[in-house]
Amino acid sequence: MVSINLVVEVLEHYHGNPRHKLWLLALAEVANDDTRMGWPSRRLLAERADVSPSRASSIATALVAEGVILRDAAGRRGRGATRYVLAPLNGVREPRTLSDEPDGPPL
């Protein structure tokens, strides 16, 4: 499922590092329009941003520090996919917190 609304929001409103933008587009591609949450794999994020998997993780850390995304610690070794929430980039909506949704990806 592709979230066109979030993809367009990233394209129009994120003006940071181009690799970070590619990473955000990969998240937006799999995130739910309503909850703004997604569970992309590190491999997918790395492929879309054209970086190594470890660099994809570093980009996520930088985006958390920028306040652009929230990240759930569930993605640590053996705990499954990491849950991400894309913060509003256009200032229109309040992001949900990670505690607003169940612990796993939607079925």
C-alpha atoms as a PDB file:
ATOM      1  CA  MET A   1       0.000   0.000   0.000  1.00  0.00           C
ATOM      2  CA  VAL A   2       1.423   3.384  -0.962  1.00  0.00           C
ATOM      3  CA  SER A   3       0.514   6.477   1.009  1.00  0.00           C
ATOM      4  CA  ILE A   4       0.429   9.163  -1.655  1.00  0.00           C
ATOM      5  CA  ASN A   5      -0.623  11.911   0.781  1.00  0.00           C
ATOM      6  CA  LEU A   6       2.409  11.359   3.002  1.00  0.00           C
ATOM      7  CA  VAL A   7       4.748  10.994   0.019  1.00  0.00           C
ATOM      8  CA  VAL A   8       3.552  14.359  -1.330  1.00  0.00           C
ATOM      9  CA  GLU A   9       3.911  15.920   2.120  1.00  0.00           C
ATOM     10  CA  VAL A  10       7.552  14.776   2.327  1.00  0.00           C
ATOM     11  CA  LEU A  11       8.280  15.991  -1.211  1.00  0.00           C
ATOM     12  CA  GLU A  12       6.753  19.419  -0.596  1.00  0.00           C
ATOM     13  CA  HIS A  13       7.753  20.132   2.992  1.00  0.00           C
ATOM     14  CA  TYR A  14      10.997  18.357   3.915  1.00  0.00           C
ATOM     15  CA  HIS A  15      14.002  20.474   2.959  1.00  0.00           C
ATOM     16  CA  GLY A  16      16.809  18.667   4.749  1.00  0.00           C
ATOM     17  CA  ASN A  17      19.514  16.312   3.596  1.00  0.00           C
ATOM     18  CA  PRO A  18      18.586  14.578   0.286  1.00  0.00           C
ATOM     19  CA  ARG A  19      19.437  11.103   1.674  1.00  0.00           C
ATOM     20  CA  HIS A  20      17.182  11.819   4.644  1.00  0.00           C
ATOM     21  CA  LYS A  21      14.426  12.803   2.231  1.00  0.00           C
ATOM     22  CA  LEU A  22      14.787   9.481   0.393  1.00  0.00           C
ATOM     23  CA  TRP A  23      14.593   7.670   3.730  1.00  0.00           C
ATOM     24  CA  LEU A  24      11.447   9.636   4.647  1.00  0.00           C
ATOM     25  CA  LEU A  25       9.901   8.816   1.276  1.00  0.00           C
ATOM     26  CA  ALA A  26      10.466   5.117   1.981  1.00  0.00           C
ATOM     27  CA  LEU A  27       8.675   5.513   5.324  1.00  0.00           C
ATOM     28  CA  ALA A  28       5.863   7.550   3.750  1.00  0.00           C
ATOM     29  CA  GLU A  29       5.426   4.866   1.111  1.00  0.00           C
ATOM     30  CA  VAL A  30       4.465   2.241   3.705  1.00  0.00           C
ATOM     31  CA  ALA A  31       2.918   4.425   6.425  1.00  0.00           C
ATOM     32  CA  ASN A  32      -0.799   4.652   7.089  1.00  0.00           C
ATOM     33  CA  ASP A  33      -2.289   8.012   6.067  1.00  0.00           C
ATOM     34  CA  ASP A  34      -4.434   8.271   9.190  1.00  0.00           C
ATOM     35  CA  THR A  35      -1.998   7.097  11.859  1.00  0.00           C
ATOM     36  CA  ARG A  36       1.169   8.195  10.020  1.00  0.00           C
ATOM     37  CA  MET A  37       2.745   4.942  11.296  1.00  0.00           C
ATOM     38  CA  GLY A  38       4.747   2.416   9.346  1.00  0.00           C
ATOM     39  CA  TRP A  39       6.913  -0.638   9.925  1.00  0.00           C
ATOM     40  CA  PRO A  40       9.423  -0.571   7.037  1.00  0.00           C
ATOM     41  CA  SER A  41      12.336  -2.960   7.200  1.00  0.00           C
ATOM     42  CA  ARG A  42      15.837  -1.584   7.579  1.00  0.00           C
ATOM     43  CA  ARG A  43      16.651  -3.264   4.262  1.00  0.00           C
ATOM     44  CA  LEU A  44      13.841  -1.388   2.480  1.00  0.00           C
ATOM     45  CA  LEU A  45      14.897   1.938   4.006  1.00  0.00           C
ATOM     46  CA  ALA A  46      18.522   1.297   2.988  1.00  0.00           C
ATOM     47  CA  GLU A  47      17.591   0.337  -0.572  1.00  0.00           C
ATOM     48  CA  ARG A  48      15.298   3.345  -1.069  1.00  0.00           C
ATOM     49  CA  ALA A  49      17.850   5.802   0.354  1.00  0.00           C
ATOM     50  CA  ASP A  50      20.713   4.100  -1.540  1.00  0.00           C
ATOM     51  CA  VAL A  51      22.744   3.595   1.643  1.00  0.00           C
ATOM     52  CA  SER A  52      23.966   0.673   3.744  1.00  0.00           C
ATOM     53  CA  PRO A  53      21.640  -0.774   6.393  1.00  0.00           C
ATOM     54  CA  SER A  54      23.796   0.696   9.174  1.00  0.00           C
ATOM     55  CA  ARG A  55      23.656   4.128   7.509  1.00  0.00           C
ATOM     56  CA  ALA A  56      19.850   3.778   7.236  1.00  0.00           C
ATOM     57  CA  SER A  57      19.775   3.309  11.018  1.00  0.00           C
ATOM     58  CA  SER A  58      21.979   6.383  11.489  1.00  0.00           C
ATOM     59  CA  ILE A  59      19.617   8.416   9.306  1.00  0.00           C
ATOM     60  CA  ALA A  60      16.700   7.294  11.482  1.00  0.00           C
ATOM     61  CA  THR A  61      18.572   8.484  14.570  1.00  0.00           C
ATOM     62  CA  ALA A  62      19.241  11.857  12.923  1.00  0.00           C
ATOM     63  CA  LEU A  63      15.585  12.227  11.910  1.00  0.00           C
ATOM     64  CA  VAL A  64      14.474  11.465  15.476  1.00  0.00           C
ATOM     65  CA  ALA A  65      16.860  14.195  16.692  1.00  0.00           C
ATOM     66  CA  GLU A  66      15.349  16.594  14.103  1.00  0.00           C
ATOM     67  CA  GLY A  67      11.883  15.798  15.442  1.00  0.00           C
ATOM     68  CA  VAL A  68      10.735  14.584  12.021  1.00  0.00           C
ATOM     69  CA  ILE A  69       9.966  11.021  13.155  1.00  0.00           C
ATOM     70  CA  LEU A  70       9.266   9.073  16.310  1.00  0.00           C
ATOM     71  CA  ARG A  71      10.815   5.614  16.629  1.00  0.00           C
ATOM     72  CA  ASP A  72       9.748   2.704  18.794  1.00  0.00           C
ATOM     73  CA  ALA A  73      12.497   0.599  20.337  1.00  0.00           C
ATOM     74  CA  ALA A  74      10.697  -2.608  19.292  1.00  0.00           C
ATOM     75  CA  GLY A  75      13.112  -2.946  16.380  1.00  0.00           C
ATOM     76  CA  ARG A  76      16.059  -3.946  18.509  1.00  0.00           C
ATOM     77  CA  ARG A  77      17.557  -7.380  17.903  1.00  0.00           C
ATOM     78  CA  GLY A  78      14.997 -10.146  18.056  1.00  0.00           C
ATOM     79  CA  ARG A  79      12.029  -7.859  18.702  1.00  0.00           C
ATOM     80  CA  GLY A  80      10.649  -7.453  15.173  1.00  0.00           C
ATOM     81  CA  ALA A  81      10.273  -4.455  12.904  1.00  0.00           C
ATOM     82  CA  THR A  82      10.734  -0.921  14.166  1.00  0.00           C
ATOM     83  CA  ARG A  83       7.613   1.213  14.279  1.00  0.00           C
ATOM     84  CA  TYR A  84       8.020   4.767  12.979  1.00  0.00           C
ATOM     85  CA  VAL A  85       5.651   7.746  13.056  1.00  0.00           C
ATOM     86  CA  LEU A  86       6.098  10.589  10.598  1.00  0.00           C
ATOM     87  CA  ALA A  87       5.564  13.947  12.304  1.00  0.00           C
ATOM     88  CA  PRO A  88       3.511  16.537  10.421  1.00  0.00           C
ATOM     89  CA  LEU A  89       5.841  18.367   8.073  1.00  0.00           C
ATOM     90  CA  ASN A  90       3.267  20.945   6.991  1.00  0.00           C
ATOM     91  CA  GLY A  91       2.170  21.984  10.487  1.00  0.00           C
ATOM     92  CA  VAL A  92      -1.433  20.853   9.944  1.00  0.00           C
ATOM     93  CA  ARG A  93      -1.867  17.798  12.188  1.00  0.00           C
ATOM     94  CA  GLU A  94      -0.577  16.656  15.542  1.00  0.00           C
ATOM     95  CA  PRO A  95       1.337  13.372  15.338  1.00  0.00           C
ATOM     96  CA  ARG A  96       0.040  10.431  17.305  1.00  0.00           C
ATOM     97  CA  THR A  97       2.277   8.985  19.947  1.00  0.00           C
ATOM     98  CA  LEU A  98       3.643   5.497  19.632  1.00  0.00           C
ATOM     99  CA  SER A  99       1.457   4.397  22.554  1.00  0.00           C
ATOM    100  CA  ASP A 100      -1.728   5.181  20.570  1.00  0.00           C
ATOM    101  CA  GLU A 101      -1.484   1.987  18.515  1.00  0.00           C
ATOM    102  CA  PRO A 102      -0.951  -1.736  19.134  1.00  0.00           C
ATOM    103  CA  ASP A 103       2.562  -3.139  19.307  1.00  0.00           C
ATOM    104  CA  GLY A 104       2.790  -4.725  15.876  1.00  0.00           C
ATOM    105  CA  PRO A 105       2.291  -3.956  12.236  1.00  0.00           C
ATOM    106  CA  PRO A 106      -1.263  -4.061  10.938  1.00  0.00           C
ATOM    107  CA  LEU A 107      -2.422  -7.457   9.755  1.00  0.00           C
END
